[in-house]
N, C-alpha and C. Protein backbone atom coordinates (compact mmCIF):
# COMPACT_ATOMS: atom_id res chain seq x y z
N MET A 1 0.76 -1.25 -0.04
CA MET A 1 0.05 0.01 0.04
C MET A 1 0.92 1.15 -0.09
N GLU A 2 0.46 2.24 -0.77
CA GLU A 2 1.20 3.44 -0.81
C GLU A 2 0.82 4.46 0.09
N PRO A 3 1.30 4.80 1.17
CA PRO A 3 1.04 6.03 1.92
C PRO A 3 0.76 7.23 1.36
N ILE A 4 -0.38 7.92 1.95
CA ILE A 4 -0.84 9.20 1.20
C ILE A 4 -0.90 10.24 2.46
N PRO A 5 0.24 11.26 2.22
CA PRO A 5 0.16 12.25 3.27
C PRO A 5 -1.14 13.09 3.41
N GLU A 6 -1.56 13.39 4.60
CA GLU A 6 -2.74 14.36 4.59
C GLU A 6 -2.54 15.69 4.26
N THR A 7 -1.32 16.16 4.21
CA THR A 7 -0.99 17.53 3.65
C THR A 7 0.09 17.50 2.75
N SER A 8 0.12 18.39 1.76
CA SER A 8 1.24 18.40 1.00
C SER A 8 2.60 19.14 1.36
N GLY A 9 2.37 19.82 2.52
CA GLY A 9 3.41 20.66 3.10
C GLY A 9 4.11 19.70 4.05
N LEU A 10 5.36 19.78 3.61
CA LEU A 10 6.35 18.83 4.53
C LEU A 10 6.72 19.55 5.88
N SER A 11 6.48 20.61 5.87
CA SER A 11 6.87 21.36 7.38
C SER A 11 6.14 20.59 8.28
N ALA A 12 4.74 20.46 8.17
CA ALA A 12 3.86 19.82 9.16
C ALA A 12 4.60 18.27 9.58
N TYR A 13 5.34 17.81 8.86
CA TYR A 13 6.00 16.43 9.13
C TYR A 13 7.47 16.43 9.61
N LEU A 14 7.80 17.73 9.95
CA LEU A 14 9.02 18.28 10.81
C LEU A 14 8.62 18.99 11.80
N ALA A 15 7.44 19.21 12.28
CA ALA A 15 6.92 19.89 13.30
C ALA A 15 7.10 19.35 14.65
N ALA A 16 7.26 20.16 15.63
CA ALA A 16 7.35 19.59 17.19
C ALA A 16 6.14 19.98 17.70
N ASP A 17 5.63 19.12 18.83
CA ASP A 17 4.33 19.43 19.29
C ASP A 17 4.58 18.71 20.92
N ASP A 18 3.34 18.73 21.45
CA ASP A 18 3.53 18.20 23.03
C ASP A 18 3.69 16.71 23.01
N VAL A 19 3.55 15.95 21.77
CA VAL A 19 3.52 14.61 21.76
C VAL A 19 4.93 14.32 21.09
N ILE A 20 5.11 14.62 19.62
CA ILE A 20 6.31 14.46 19.04
C ILE A 20 7.18 15.85 19.48
N ASP A 21 7.87 15.45 20.60
CA ASP A 21 8.56 16.68 21.27
C ASP A 21 10.04 16.85 20.95
N HIS A 22 10.61 16.72 19.61
CA HIS A 22 11.89 16.37 19.37
C HIS A 22 12.75 17.78 19.62
N HIS A 23 12.05 18.77 20.19
CA HIS A 23 12.95 19.94 20.84
C HIS A 23 13.63 19.52 22.27
N ASP A 24 12.89 18.32 22.86
CA ASP A 24 13.11 18.02 24.02
C ASP A 24 14.75 17.41 24.24
N PRO A 25 15.49 17.96 25.35
CA PRO A 25 16.80 17.49 25.28
C PRO A 25 17.02 15.99 25.11
N VAL A 26 16.47 15.10 25.71
CA VAL A 26 16.34 13.66 25.43
C VAL A 26 16.32 13.03 24.23
N VAL A 27 15.33 13.73 23.35
CA VAL A 27 15.40 13.32 21.95
C VAL A 27 16.40 13.71 21.29
N ARG A 28 16.80 14.94 21.47
CA ARG A 28 17.98 15.65 20.69
C ARG A 28 19.34 14.72 21.19
N GLU A 29 19.68 14.55 22.46
CA GLU A 29 20.80 13.60 22.91
C GLU A 29 20.78 12.36 22.26
N THR A 30 19.57 11.54 22.22
CA THR A 30 19.44 10.24 21.66
C THR A 30 19.71 10.34 20.30
N ALA A 31 19.14 11.23 19.45
CA ALA A 31 19.40 11.48 17.96
C ALA A 31 21.01 11.79 17.73
N ALA A 32 21.60 12.59 18.36
CA ALA A 32 22.92 12.58 18.24
C ALA A 32 23.69 11.39 18.41
N LEU A 33 23.46 10.72 19.40
CA LEU A 33 24.15 9.40 19.58
C LEU A 33 23.89 8.54 18.49
N LEU A 34 22.73 8.17 18.06
CA LEU A 34 22.35 7.57 16.92
C LEU A 34 22.80 7.91 15.60
N ALA A 35 23.17 9.03 15.56
CA ALA A 35 23.90 9.58 14.42
C ALA A 35 25.42 9.29 14.35
N GLU A 36 25.88 9.20 15.25
CA GLU A 36 27.19 8.84 15.24
C GLU A 36 27.73 7.53 14.55
N GLY A 37 28.45 7.94 13.44
CA GLY A 37 28.84 6.61 12.42
C GLY A 37 28.01 6.51 11.55
N THR A 38 26.88 7.37 11.10
CA THR A 38 25.97 7.26 10.03
C THR A 38 26.47 8.38 9.45
N HIS A 39 26.53 8.27 7.83
CA HIS A 39 26.79 8.89 7.04
C HIS A 39 25.64 9.65 5.85
N THR A 40 24.60 9.03 6.01
CA THR A 40 23.44 9.32 5.19
C THR A 40 22.12 9.37 6.03
N ALA A 41 21.24 10.07 5.52
CA ALA A 41 19.87 10.15 6.03
C ALA A 41 19.24 8.66 6.29
N HIS A 42 19.46 7.85 5.12
CA HIS A 42 19.08 6.56 5.05
C HIS A 42 19.62 5.63 6.24
N ASP A 43 20.81 5.94 6.44
CA ASP A 43 21.66 5.12 7.57
C ASP A 43 21.30 5.66 9.00
N TYR A 44 21.03 6.80 9.11
CA TYR A 44 20.49 7.56 10.19
C TYR A 44 19.04 6.83 10.74
N ALA A 45 18.21 6.80 9.73
CA ALA A 45 16.86 6.46 9.80
C ALA A 45 16.94 4.92 10.16
N GLU A 46 17.61 4.07 9.56
CA GLU A 46 17.82 2.77 9.86
C GLU A 46 18.49 2.61 11.42
N ALA A 47 19.20 3.47 11.78
CA ALA A 47 19.68 3.25 13.23
C ALA A 47 18.62 3.76 14.34
N ALA A 48 18.02 4.78 13.54
CA ALA A 48 16.83 5.26 14.56
C ALA A 48 15.80 4.17 14.67
N PHE A 49 15.39 3.46 13.60
CA PHE A 49 14.34 2.42 13.72
C PHE A 49 14.69 1.27 14.50
N GLU A 50 16.05 0.75 14.08
CA GLU A 50 16.23 -0.57 15.15
C GLU A 50 16.58 0.14 16.55
N TYR A 51 16.92 1.19 16.72
CA TYR A 51 16.83 1.52 18.24
C TYR A 51 15.67 1.58 18.86
N VAL A 52 14.61 2.12 18.34
CA VAL A 52 13.22 1.93 18.90
C VAL A 52 12.69 0.59 18.67
N ARG A 53 12.85 -0.08 17.81
CA ARG A 53 12.34 -1.45 17.94
C ARG A 53 12.84 -2.46 18.84
N ASP A 54 14.30 -2.32 18.90
CA ASP A 54 15.02 -3.37 19.66
C ASP A 54 15.39 -2.97 20.96
N ALA A 55 15.38 -1.66 21.36
CA ALA A 55 16.12 -1.26 22.51
C ALA A 55 14.98 -0.80 23.59
N ILE A 56 13.69 -0.51 22.87
CA ILE A 56 12.37 0.25 23.73
C ILE A 56 11.62 -1.09 23.68
N PRO A 57 11.36 -1.88 24.85
CA PRO A 57 10.43 -2.83 24.73
C PRO A 57 9.01 -2.51 24.72
N HIS A 58 8.18 -3.31 23.56
CA HIS A 58 6.53 -2.95 23.71
C HIS A 58 6.19 -3.53 25.29
N SER A 59 5.52 -2.41 25.90
CA SER A 59 4.94 -2.79 27.15
C SER A 59 4.19 -4.15 27.39
N PHE A 60 3.55 -4.48 26.37
CA PHE A 60 2.86 -5.61 26.44
C PHE A 60 3.28 -6.79 26.52
N ASP A 61 4.68 -6.92 25.85
CA ASP A 61 5.59 -7.78 25.85
C ASP A 61 6.45 -8.04 27.03
N SER A 62 6.82 -6.93 27.36
CA SER A 62 7.75 -6.72 28.81
C SER A 62 6.87 -6.79 30.00
N GLY A 63 5.67 -6.56 30.01
CA GLY A 63 4.87 -6.57 31.30
C GLY A 63 5.08 -5.35 32.13
N ASP A 64 5.98 -4.25 31.34
CA ASP A 64 6.05 -2.87 32.14
C ASP A 64 4.48 -2.05 32.17
N PRO A 65 4.52 -1.89 33.58
CA PRO A 65 3.04 -1.38 33.73
C PRO A 65 3.05 0.21 33.47
N ARG A 66 4.07 0.86 33.06
CA ARG A 66 4.14 2.32 33.04
C ARG A 66 3.44 2.53 31.54
N VAL A 67 2.92 3.73 31.48
CA VAL A 67 2.37 4.25 30.36
C VAL A 67 3.03 5.42 29.83
N SER A 68 3.68 5.45 28.73
CA SER A 68 4.19 6.75 28.17
C SER A 68 3.69 6.88 26.91
N TRP A 69 3.58 8.29 26.41
CA TRP A 69 2.93 8.54 25.41
C TRP A 69 3.77 9.82 24.69
N ARG A 70 4.29 10.72 25.37
CA ARG A 70 5.15 11.58 24.87
C ARG A 70 6.64 11.00 24.47
N ALA A 71 7.10 11.31 23.28
CA ALA A 71 8.39 10.82 22.76
C ALA A 71 9.49 10.92 23.58
N SER A 72 9.47 12.03 24.28
CA SER A 72 10.85 12.03 25.03
C SER A 72 10.79 11.12 26.37
N ASP A 73 9.41 10.85 26.75
CA ASP A 73 9.17 9.93 27.98
C ASP A 73 9.41 8.37 27.43
N VAL A 74 8.93 8.21 26.35
CA VAL A 74 9.27 6.79 25.81
C VAL A 74 10.79 6.56 25.78
N LEU A 75 11.48 7.49 25.19
CA LEU A 75 13.14 7.41 24.96
C LEU A 75 13.76 7.25 26.57
N GLU A 76 13.23 8.01 27.46
CA GLU A 76 13.85 8.27 28.88
C GLU A 76 13.44 6.73 29.66
N GLN A 77 12.10 6.39 29.41
CA GLN A 77 11.78 5.30 30.31
C GLN A 77 12.13 3.94 29.67
N ARG A 78 12.24 4.27 28.37
CA ARG A 78 12.39 2.85 27.55
C ARG A 78 11.25 2.03 27.61
N ASN A 79 10.13 2.23 27.27
CA ASN A 79 8.85 1.59 27.18
C ASN A 79 7.89 2.18 26.48
N GLY A 80 6.75 1.24 26.16
CA GLY A 80 5.89 1.87 25.47
C GLY A 80 5.07 1.06 24.42
N ILE A 81 3.84 1.29 24.09
CA ILE A 81 3.14 0.45 23.25
C ILE A 81 3.30 1.13 21.84
N CYS A 82 2.64 0.41 20.85
CA CYS A 82 3.03 0.79 19.33
C CYS A 82 3.03 2.21 19.12
N TYR A 83 1.89 2.79 19.61
CA TYR A 83 1.63 4.34 19.50
C TYR A 83 2.78 4.96 20.01
N SER A 84 3.07 4.79 21.42
CA SER A 84 4.28 5.54 21.91
C SER A 84 5.47 5.17 21.21
N LYS A 85 5.84 4.11 20.80
CA LYS A 85 6.92 3.73 19.93
C LYS A 85 7.03 4.58 18.56
N SER A 86 5.96 4.57 18.03
CA SER A 86 5.60 5.55 16.73
C SER A 86 5.89 6.91 17.14
N HIS A 87 5.51 7.31 18.12
CA HIS A 87 5.80 8.72 18.44
C HIS A 87 7.27 9.03 18.78
N ALA A 88 7.99 8.06 19.25
CA ALA A 88 9.50 8.20 19.52
C ALA A 88 10.15 8.37 18.46
N LEU A 89 9.81 7.27 17.49
CA LEU A 89 10.52 7.04 16.28
C LEU A 89 10.33 8.41 15.13
N THR A 90 9.18 8.94 15.32
CA THR A 90 8.88 9.99 14.68
C THR A 90 9.69 11.29 14.78
N ALA A 91 9.69 11.48 16.26
CA ALA A 91 10.57 12.52 16.83
C ALA A 91 12.06 12.33 16.44
N LEU A 92 12.44 11.25 16.72
CA LEU A 92 14.06 10.82 16.31
C LEU A 92 14.27 11.35 14.92
N LEU A 93 13.30 11.02 13.91
CA LEU A 93 13.54 11.14 12.29
C LEU A 93 13.26 12.69 12.26
N ARG A 94 12.33 13.36 12.84
CA ARG A 94 12.13 14.93 12.63
C ARG A 94 13.34 15.54 13.22
N SER A 95 13.87 15.11 14.15
CA SER A 95 14.85 15.82 14.70
C SER A 95 16.17 16.08 13.90
N ARG A 96 16.27 15.15 13.03
CA ARG A 96 17.27 15.04 11.98
C ARG A 96 17.02 15.69 10.70
N GLY A 97 15.66 16.15 10.63
CA GLY A 97 15.31 16.77 9.47
C GLY A 97 14.69 15.82 8.26
N ILE A 98 14.24 14.61 8.84
CA ILE A 98 13.76 13.58 7.97
C ILE A 98 12.04 13.64 8.21
N PRO A 99 11.45 14.08 7.05
CA PRO A 99 9.98 14.16 7.45
C PRO A 99 9.33 12.59 7.90
N ALA A 100 8.37 12.63 8.94
CA ALA A 100 7.75 11.64 9.27
C ALA A 100 6.58 11.88 9.66
N GLY A 101 5.46 10.76 9.78
CA GLY A 101 4.17 10.96 10.25
C GLY A 101 3.77 9.77 10.84
N LEU A 102 2.51 9.79 11.19
CA LEU A 102 2.05 8.60 11.95
C LEU A 102 0.97 7.65 11.01
N CYS A 103 0.84 6.62 11.06
CA CYS A 103 -0.13 5.77 10.38
C CYS A 103 -0.68 4.61 11.06
N TYR A 104 -1.87 4.02 10.64
CA TYR A 104 -2.56 3.33 11.40
C TYR A 104 -3.12 2.11 10.51
N GLN A 105 -3.22 0.90 11.25
CA GLN A 105 -3.83 -0.33 10.88
C GLN A 105 -5.09 -0.74 11.62
N ARG A 106 -6.15 -1.42 11.06
CA ARG A 106 -7.19 -2.07 11.92
C ARG A 106 -6.72 -3.51 11.96
N LEU A 107 -6.35 -4.07 13.22
CA LEU A 107 -5.93 -5.53 13.39
C LEU A 107 -7.04 -6.39 14.24
N THR A 108 -6.89 -7.76 14.06
CA THR A 108 -7.98 -8.45 14.85
C THR A 108 -7.21 -9.56 15.19
N GLU A 109 -7.78 -10.25 15.96
CA GLU A 109 -7.08 -11.69 16.63
C GLU A 109 -7.37 -12.69 15.32
N ASP A 110 -6.89 -13.76 15.22
CA ASP A 110 -7.02 -14.92 14.17
C ASP A 110 -8.37 -15.21 13.80
N ASP A 111 -9.46 -14.96 14.58
CA ASP A 111 -10.63 -15.42 14.18
C ASP A 111 -11.51 -14.17 14.03
N GLY A 112 -10.77 -12.83 13.75
CA GLY A 112 -11.68 -11.75 13.65
C GLY A 112 -12.17 -10.95 14.60
N SER A 113 -12.03 -11.54 15.61
CA SER A 113 -12.46 -10.95 16.95
C SER A 113 -11.46 -9.85 17.63
N ASP A 114 -11.90 -8.93 18.43
CA ASP A 114 -11.15 -7.98 19.09
C ASP A 114 -10.52 -7.05 18.34
N PRO A 115 -11.23 -6.19 17.33
CA PRO A 115 -10.47 -5.34 16.48
C PRO A 115 -9.76 -4.35 17.39
N ALA A 116 -8.59 -3.90 16.90
CA ALA A 116 -7.77 -2.87 17.35
C ALA A 116 -7.03 -2.14 16.50
N LEU A 117 -6.92 -0.73 16.77
CA LEU A 117 -6.08 0.44 15.91
C LEU A 117 -4.53 0.05 16.43
N HIS A 118 -3.84 -0.27 15.45
CA HIS A 118 -2.22 -0.38 15.77
C HIS A 118 -1.77 0.81 14.84
N GLY A 119 -0.54 1.28 15.70
CA GLY A 119 0.17 2.52 15.21
C GLY A 119 1.50 2.23 14.89
N LEU A 120 1.83 2.83 13.53
CA LEU A 120 3.24 2.81 12.79
C LEU A 120 3.47 4.09 12.22
N ILE A 121 4.72 4.01 11.49
CA ILE A 121 5.15 5.58 11.06
C ILE A 121 5.40 5.31 9.38
N ALA A 122 5.44 6.56 8.70
CA ALA A 122 5.74 6.53 7.40
C ALA A 122 6.75 7.67 7.39
N LEU A 123 7.94 7.54 6.62
CA LEU A 123 8.84 8.49 6.56
C LEU A 123 9.12 8.81 5.01
N LEU A 124 9.67 10.04 4.75
CA LEU A 124 10.05 10.38 3.20
C LEU A 124 11.68 10.77 3.07
N LEU A 125 12.24 9.76 2.97
CA LEU A 125 13.91 9.81 2.82
C LEU A 125 14.32 10.68 1.74
N PRO A 126 15.36 11.41 1.77
CA PRO A 126 15.73 12.48 0.64
C PRO A 126 16.02 11.60 -0.61
N GLY A 127 15.34 11.99 -1.55
CA GLY A 127 15.16 11.62 -3.11
C GLY A 127 14.39 10.61 -3.29
N ALA A 128 13.64 10.04 -2.26
CA ALA A 128 12.59 9.13 -2.45
C ALA A 128 11.33 9.87 -3.16
N ASP A 129 10.80 9.08 -3.96
CA ASP A 129 9.54 9.70 -4.87
C ASP A 129 8.22 9.28 -4.02
N ARG A 130 8.37 8.50 -2.86
CA ARG A 130 7.09 8.07 -2.23
C ARG A 130 7.32 7.85 -0.78
N TRP A 131 6.33 7.89 0.18
CA TRP A 131 6.55 7.59 1.69
C TRP A 131 6.54 6.15 1.72
N SER A 132 7.41 5.79 2.83
CA SER A 132 7.50 4.21 3.02
C SER A 132 7.09 4.12 4.68
N ARG A 133 6.35 3.02 4.80
CA ARG A 133 5.77 2.82 6.09
C ARG A 133 6.90 1.67 7.00
N LEU A 134 7.04 2.08 8.11
CA LEU A 134 7.79 1.26 9.09
C LEU A 134 7.16 0.95 10.22
N ASP A 135 7.55 -0.04 10.87
CA ASP A 135 6.71 -0.47 12.00
C ASP A 135 7.84 -0.73 13.21
N ALA A 136 8.11 -0.35 14.14
CA ALA A 136 8.89 -0.20 15.21
C ALA A 136 8.31 -1.01 16.46
N ARG A 137 7.16 -1.67 16.39
CA ARG A 137 6.60 -2.12 17.31
C ARG A 137 7.48 -2.99 18.20
N GLY A 138 8.40 -3.81 17.75
CA GLY A 138 9.24 -4.66 18.56
C GLY A 138 8.85 -6.06 17.81
N ASN A 139 9.89 -6.92 17.64
CA ASN A 139 9.91 -8.14 17.15
C ASN A 139 9.62 -9.19 18.26
N LYS A 140 9.14 -10.28 17.82
CA LYS A 140 8.95 -11.16 18.80
C LYS A 140 8.58 -12.36 17.95
N PRO A 141 8.42 -13.88 18.38
CA PRO A 141 8.08 -14.76 17.72
C PRO A 141 6.87 -14.36 16.87
N GLY A 142 6.83 -14.87 15.40
CA GLY A 142 5.91 -14.57 14.64
C GLY A 142 5.75 -13.19 14.14
N VAL A 143 6.66 -12.22 14.53
CA VAL A 143 6.65 -10.85 14.33
C VAL A 143 8.04 -10.44 13.86
N ASP A 144 8.21 -10.17 12.47
CA ASP A 144 9.68 -9.74 11.85
C ASP A 144 9.65 -8.72 11.03
N ALA A 145 9.58 -7.42 11.64
CA ALA A 145 9.38 -6.11 11.15
C ALA A 145 11.02 -5.56 10.73
N ARG A 146 11.11 -5.13 9.49
CA ARG A 146 12.49 -4.65 9.17
C ARG A 146 12.55 -3.28 8.55
N PHE A 147 13.62 -2.69 8.67
CA PHE A 147 14.02 -1.38 7.95
C PHE A 147 14.08 -1.63 6.43
N SER A 148 13.00 -1.50 5.86
CA SER A 148 12.86 -1.70 4.37
C SER A 148 12.18 -0.81 3.68
N PRO A 149 12.40 0.42 3.39
CA PRO A 149 12.00 1.45 2.67
C PRO A 149 11.45 0.95 1.27
N ALA A 150 12.21 0.28 0.68
CA ALA A 150 11.60 -0.25 -0.81
C ALA A 150 10.47 -1.23 -0.87
N GLU A 151 10.42 -1.93 0.11
CA GLU A 151 9.64 -3.05 -0.07
C GLU A 151 8.98 -3.29 1.72
N GLU A 152 7.80 -2.99 1.83
CA GLU A 152 7.45 -3.01 3.27
C GLU A 152 7.76 -4.53 3.96
N ARG A 153 8.23 -4.30 5.12
CA ARG A 153 8.43 -5.65 6.11
C ARG A 153 7.78 -5.20 7.34
N LEU A 154 6.42 -5.15 7.40
CA LEU A 154 5.74 -4.66 8.62
C LEU A 154 5.73 -5.82 9.51
N ALA A 155 5.42 -5.19 10.89
CA ALA A 155 5.06 -6.38 11.98
C ALA A 155 3.66 -7.05 11.59
N PHE A 156 2.88 -6.60 10.91
CA PHE A 156 1.52 -7.29 10.80
C PHE A 156 0.74 -6.83 9.45
N PRO A 157 1.27 -7.70 8.31
CA PRO A 157 0.38 -7.43 7.19
C PRO A 157 -0.97 -7.69 7.48
N VAL A 158 -1.72 -6.99 6.67
CA VAL A 158 -3.20 -7.23 7.00
C VAL A 158 -3.90 -8.18 6.35
N ARG A 159 -4.94 -8.77 6.99
CA ARG A 159 -5.87 -9.80 6.46
C ARG A 159 -7.14 -9.50 6.22
N PRO A 160 -7.51 -8.95 5.13
CA PRO A 160 -8.79 -8.48 4.80
C PRO A 160 -9.80 -9.34 4.97
N GLU A 161 -9.62 -10.33 4.74
CA GLU A 161 -10.98 -11.39 4.96
C GLU A 161 -11.25 -11.30 6.56
N LEU A 162 -10.37 -11.00 7.46
CA LEU A 162 -10.87 -10.93 8.79
C LEU A 162 -11.37 -9.49 9.31
N GLY A 163 -11.33 -8.50 8.36
CA GLY A 163 -12.01 -7.34 8.48
C GLY A 163 -10.68 -6.36 8.77
N GLU A 164 -9.56 -6.88 8.83
CA GLU A 164 -8.36 -5.92 8.97
C GLU A 164 -8.14 -5.05 7.82
N CYS A 165 -7.42 -3.94 7.78
CA CYS A 165 -7.14 -2.97 6.86
C CYS A 165 -6.04 -2.15 7.12
N ASP A 166 -5.34 -1.41 6.19
CA ASP A 166 -4.46 -0.49 6.11
C ASP A 166 -5.35 0.93 6.02
N TYR A 167 -4.79 2.05 6.97
CA TYR A 167 -5.35 3.12 6.62
C TYR A 167 -4.41 4.00 5.76
N PRO A 168 -4.84 4.58 4.77
CA PRO A 168 -3.74 5.10 3.87
C PRO A 168 -3.05 6.32 4.36
N LEU A 169 -3.71 7.22 5.02
CA LEU A 169 -3.21 8.40 5.18
C LEU A 169 -2.08 8.81 6.27
N VAL A 170 -0.97 9.50 6.14
CA VAL A 170 0.06 9.55 6.93
C VAL A 170 -0.18 10.97 7.57
N TYR A 171 -0.44 10.71 9.01
CA TYR A 171 -0.71 12.03 9.91
C TYR A 171 0.37 12.71 10.42
N ALA A 172 0.26 14.33 10.38
CA ALA A 172 1.28 14.91 10.94
C ALA A 172 1.47 14.85 12.50
N ALA A 173 0.15 14.66 13.06
CA ALA A 173 0.07 14.54 14.43
C ALA A 173 -0.68 13.20 14.75
N PRO A 174 -0.30 12.67 15.95
CA PRO A 174 -1.05 11.35 16.58
C PRO A 174 -2.62 11.81 16.56
N LEU A 175 -3.32 10.86 16.35
CA LEU A 175 -4.93 10.82 16.40
C LEU A 175 -5.17 11.39 17.97
N PRO A 176 -6.02 12.19 18.19
CA PRO A 176 -6.50 12.72 19.68
C PRO A 176 -6.94 11.48 20.41
N ALA A 177 -7.49 10.59 19.56
CA ALA A 177 -8.20 9.41 20.20
C ALA A 177 -7.16 8.43 20.75
N VAL A 178 -5.86 8.39 20.10
CA VAL A 178 -4.85 7.60 20.50
C VAL A 178 -4.22 8.19 21.50
N VAL A 179 -3.94 9.48 21.86
CA VAL A 179 -3.33 10.21 22.75
C VAL A 179 -4.25 10.14 24.01
N ALA A 180 -5.58 10.26 23.89
CA ALA A 180 -6.42 10.12 24.98
C ALA A 180 -6.63 8.95 25.66
N CYS A 181 -6.32 7.82 24.85
CA CYS A 181 -6.29 6.49 25.57
C CYS A 181 -5.42 6.04 26.15
N LEU A 182 -4.04 6.66 25.80
CA LEU A 182 -2.73 6.84 26.53
C LEU A 182 -2.96 7.40 27.96
N ARG A 183 -3.27 8.68 27.82
CA ARG A 183 -3.45 9.46 29.06
C ARG A 183 -4.28 8.92 30.03
N ALA A 184 -5.53 8.27 29.50
CA ALA A 184 -6.13 8.03 30.68
C ALA A 184 -6.19 6.66 31.24
N ALA A 185 -5.14 5.78 30.84
CA ALA A 185 -4.82 4.55 31.27
C ALA A 185 -4.13 4.58 32.45
N PRO A 186 -4.45 3.75 33.52
CA PRO A 186 -3.83 3.89 34.74
C PRO A 186 -2.75 2.98 34.76
N SER A 187 -2.51 1.96 33.83
CA SER A 187 -1.45 1.19 33.50
C SER A 187 -1.46 0.69 31.98
N SER A 188 -0.22 0.09 31.88
CA SER A 188 -0.21 -0.49 30.38
C SER A 188 -1.17 -1.63 30.13
N SER A 189 -1.55 -2.39 31.13
CA SER A 189 -2.66 -3.55 31.17
C SER A 189 -3.97 -2.66 30.95
N GLY A 190 -4.17 -1.48 31.38
CA GLY A 190 -5.38 -0.96 31.41
C GLY A 190 -5.59 0.24 30.29
N ILE A 191 -4.68 0.09 29.12
CA ILE A 191 -4.95 0.90 28.03
C ILE A 191 -6.20 0.38 27.15
N VAL A 192 -7.02 1.17 26.94
CA VAL A 192 -8.24 0.72 26.02
C VAL A 192 -7.96 1.30 24.61
N VAL A 193 -7.58 0.41 23.67
CA VAL A 193 -7.06 1.08 22.34
C VAL A 193 -8.59 1.38 21.45
N PRO A 194 -8.41 2.23 20.39
CA PRO A 194 -9.60 2.55 19.74
C PRO A 194 -9.80 1.00 18.83
N THR A 195 -10.80 0.72 18.34
CA THR A 195 -11.13 -0.36 17.66
C THR A 195 -10.79 -0.07 16.32
N ALA A 196 -10.99 1.18 15.69
CA ALA A 196 -10.62 1.49 14.32
C ALA A 196 -10.47 2.95 14.35
N LEU A 197 -10.09 3.53 13.06
CA LEU A 197 -9.92 4.72 12.83
C LEU A 197 -11.06 5.65 13.12
N PRO A 198 -11.18 6.51 13.96
CA PRO A 198 -12.29 7.44 14.20
C PRO A 198 -12.91 8.02 13.15
N GLY A 199 -14.25 7.83 12.85
CA GLY A 199 -14.80 8.51 11.68
C GLY A 199 -14.69 7.54 10.25
N ALA A 200 -13.69 6.46 10.17
CA ALA A 200 -13.59 5.45 9.20
C ALA A 200 -14.69 4.71 9.09
N SER A 201 -15.18 4.20 7.84
CA SER A 201 -16.53 3.34 7.57
C SER A 201 -15.80 2.10 7.83
């Protein structure tokens, strides 16, 4: 699936806000460390992706009860669910001038039950003619996401026969419903994720 930016202006995909807070020292320091030894935007993006994927455990996998939603907190606490990790990766990319935004999928269990909105990101590398989606959720048995801008290697390829779908838009800011569910959760086990993209049919 080819991601579609919700706005044609790239400045929106480089902006900082309360969630994608790449002006925060924690984000800037992490980005600087990841940039060491890299020579191109592609190399840096790969390093940032692998860091968020591998060095920041997914809260559901690790059992970490803390809930993080702001990019700097995700990097500082080294924990987060898919949305949070996407916020962190987006911030790290934007901090080095790489346009990045948020994408979503609707996923279900293997029998089509329990639909849930899943978060990932898209980026536009220098010289690229299209956006590429990446999923830094974190690998585990049965999940093998890779840094592969040319050919998607996501954590969860969708299964349309189960009602799963890819939402094509690349959002410049996290969905308010996503941020709200994180901020309202008493613990990671108490996060009530949206079941679909708000307003989507």
